[in-house]
Amino acid sequence: MRDEKSINKMIELIDKIFKYCHGKTYGSFFEDEMLVEACVFNLTQIGETSHKISGGIIDNHPEIAWHELYGLRNRLVNDYEGTNHKLVWEIISDDLPTLRTQLEDLV
């Protein structure tokens, strides 16, 4: 039950990011400080929530980058001043759609 709640929370956070970034380009993303901060916050929350997933789920679903999600969280939290906006944008545009589908398949 805890895993399902955490997975659903991660999906909700991804959906927030998609809502915030809908119709945006990298240029408009980069120029909007509030948008960048909102997305970075939600990415850190995804990483934090991924750390609450039980070992059984993690072991049974190695296709999901569980450890990388938490690693991203650590990187964003501990080095916000040096946040690589291009990397954040690439994660949002390239990685989150796949992650969302993978998480949806779990629930």
Protein backbone atom coordinates (compact mmCIF):
# COMPACT_ATOMS: atom_id res chain seq x y z
CA MET A 1 0.00 0.00 0.00
CA ARG A 2 2.84 2.39 0.88
CA ASP A 3 4.54 1.65 -2.44
CA GLU A 4 1.36 2.31 -4.40
CA LYS A 5 0.87 5.62 -2.60
CA SER A 6 4.46 6.64 -3.32
CA ILE A 7 4.23 5.62 -6.97
CA ASN A 8 0.99 7.57 -7.39
CA LYS A 9 2.64 10.60 -5.77
CA MET A 10 5.52 10.36 -8.24
CA ILE A 11 3.05 10.25 -11.14
CA GLU A 12 1.26 13.32 -9.75
CA LEU A 13 4.56 15.19 -9.47
CA ILE A 14 5.48 14.31 -13.05
CA ASP A 15 2.06 15.50 -14.20
CA LYS A 16 2.63 18.83 -12.43
CA ILE A 17 5.91 19.27 -14.28
CA PHE A 18 4.23 18.43 -17.59
CA LYS A 19 1.47 20.95 -16.84
CA TYR A 20 3.99 23.66 -15.98
CA CYS A 21 6.08 23.01 -19.10
CA HIS A 22 3.27 22.47 -21.62
CA GLY A 23 4.02 24.46 -24.76
CA LYS A 24 7.41 25.61 -23.49
CA THR A 25 10.69 25.45 -25.32
CA TYR A 26 14.09 25.23 -23.67
CA GLY A 27 14.52 28.95 -24.24
CA SER A 28 11.26 29.91 -22.55
CA PHE A 29 11.96 27.41 -19.76
CA PHE A 30 15.44 28.79 -19.14
CA GLU A 31 14.18 32.39 -19.00
CA ASP A 32 11.41 31.66 -16.48
CA GLU A 33 13.08 31.46 -13.08
CA MET A 34 9.87 30.55 -11.27
CA LEU A 35 9.20 27.70 -13.73
CA VAL A 36 12.73 26.35 -13.30
CA GLU A 37 12.42 26.45 -9.52
CA ALA A 38 9.01 24.73 -9.60
CA CYS A 39 10.33 21.96 -11.82
CA VAL A 40 13.50 21.50 -9.78
CA PHE A 41 11.41 21.30 -6.61
CA ASN A 42 9.14 18.65 -8.12
CA LEU A 43 12.11 16.68 -9.44
CA THR A 44 13.61 16.65 -5.95
CA GLN A 45 10.28 15.44 -4.58
CA ILE A 46 10.21 12.63 -7.15
CA GLY A 47 13.70 11.61 -6.07
CA GLU A 48 12.79 11.79 -2.39
CA THR A 49 9.67 9.71 -2.95
CA SER A 50 11.58 7.13 -5.00
CA HIS A 51 13.74 6.50 -1.95
CA LYS A 52 10.64 5.30 -0.06
CA ILE A 53 9.91 2.48 -2.52
CA SER A 54 10.49 -0.97 -1.03
CA GLY A 55 13.45 -3.09 -2.08
CA GLY A 56 11.16 -5.73 -3.58
CA ILE A 57 9.67 -3.29 -6.07
CA ILE A 58 13.10 -1.89 -6.89
CA ASP A 59 14.57 -5.37 -7.41
CA ASN A 60 11.62 -6.52 -9.54
CA HIS A 61 11.67 -3.42 -11.76
CA PRO A 62 15.28 -2.67 -12.68
CA GLU A 63 14.08 -0.94 -15.86
CA ILE A 64 13.20 2.02 -13.65
CA ALA A 65 16.20 4.16 -12.68
CA TRP A 66 15.39 4.21 -8.94
CA HIS A 67 18.90 4.97 -7.74
CA GLU A 68 19.43 7.63 -10.39
CA LEU A 69 16.21 9.35 -9.31
CA TYR A 70 17.47 9.66 -5.76
CA GLY A 71 20.90 10.65 -7.03
CA LEU A 72 19.31 13.46 -9.04
CA ARG A 73 17.49 14.59 -5.91
CA ASN A 74 20.78 14.76 -4.02
CA ARG A 75 22.47 16.63 -6.83
CA LEU A 76 19.68 19.19 -7.09
CA VAL A 77 19.32 19.72 -3.36
CA ASN A 78 23.01 20.04 -2.63
CA ASP A 79 24.02 22.15 -5.61
CA TYR A 80 21.06 24.33 -6.54
CA GLU A 81 23.25 27.31 -7.44
CA GLY A 82 24.99 25.14 -9.99
CA THR A 83 21.86 23.54 -11.42
CA ASN A 84 22.36 22.65 -15.04
CA HIS A 85 19.21 24.00 -16.70
CA LYS A 86 19.87 22.12 -19.92
CA LEU A 87 20.13 18.82 -18.03
CA VAL A 88 16.91 19.55 -16.13
CA TRP A 89 15.14 20.34 -19.40
CA GLU A 90 16.42 17.13 -21.01
CA ILE A 91 15.21 15.10 -18.03
CA ILE A 92 11.78 16.72 -18.30
CA SER A 93 11.46 16.32 -22.05
CA ASP A 94 13.30 13.04 -22.63
CA ASP A 95 13.17 10.97 -19.43
CA LEU A 96 9.98 11.86 -17.57
CA PRO A 97 7.56 10.59 -20.25
CA THR A 98 9.16 7.13 -20.09
CA LEU A 99 9.32 7.20 -16.30
CA ARG A 100 5.65 8.13 -16.10
CA THR A 101 4.69 5.20 -18.34
CA GLN A 102 6.82 2.81 -16.29
CA LEU A 103 5.26 3.99 -13.04
CA GLU A 104 1.76 3.84 -14.48
CA ASP A 105 2.41 0.21 -15.45
CA LEU A 106 3.18 -0.55 -11.78
CA VAL A 107 -0.21 0.65 -10.57
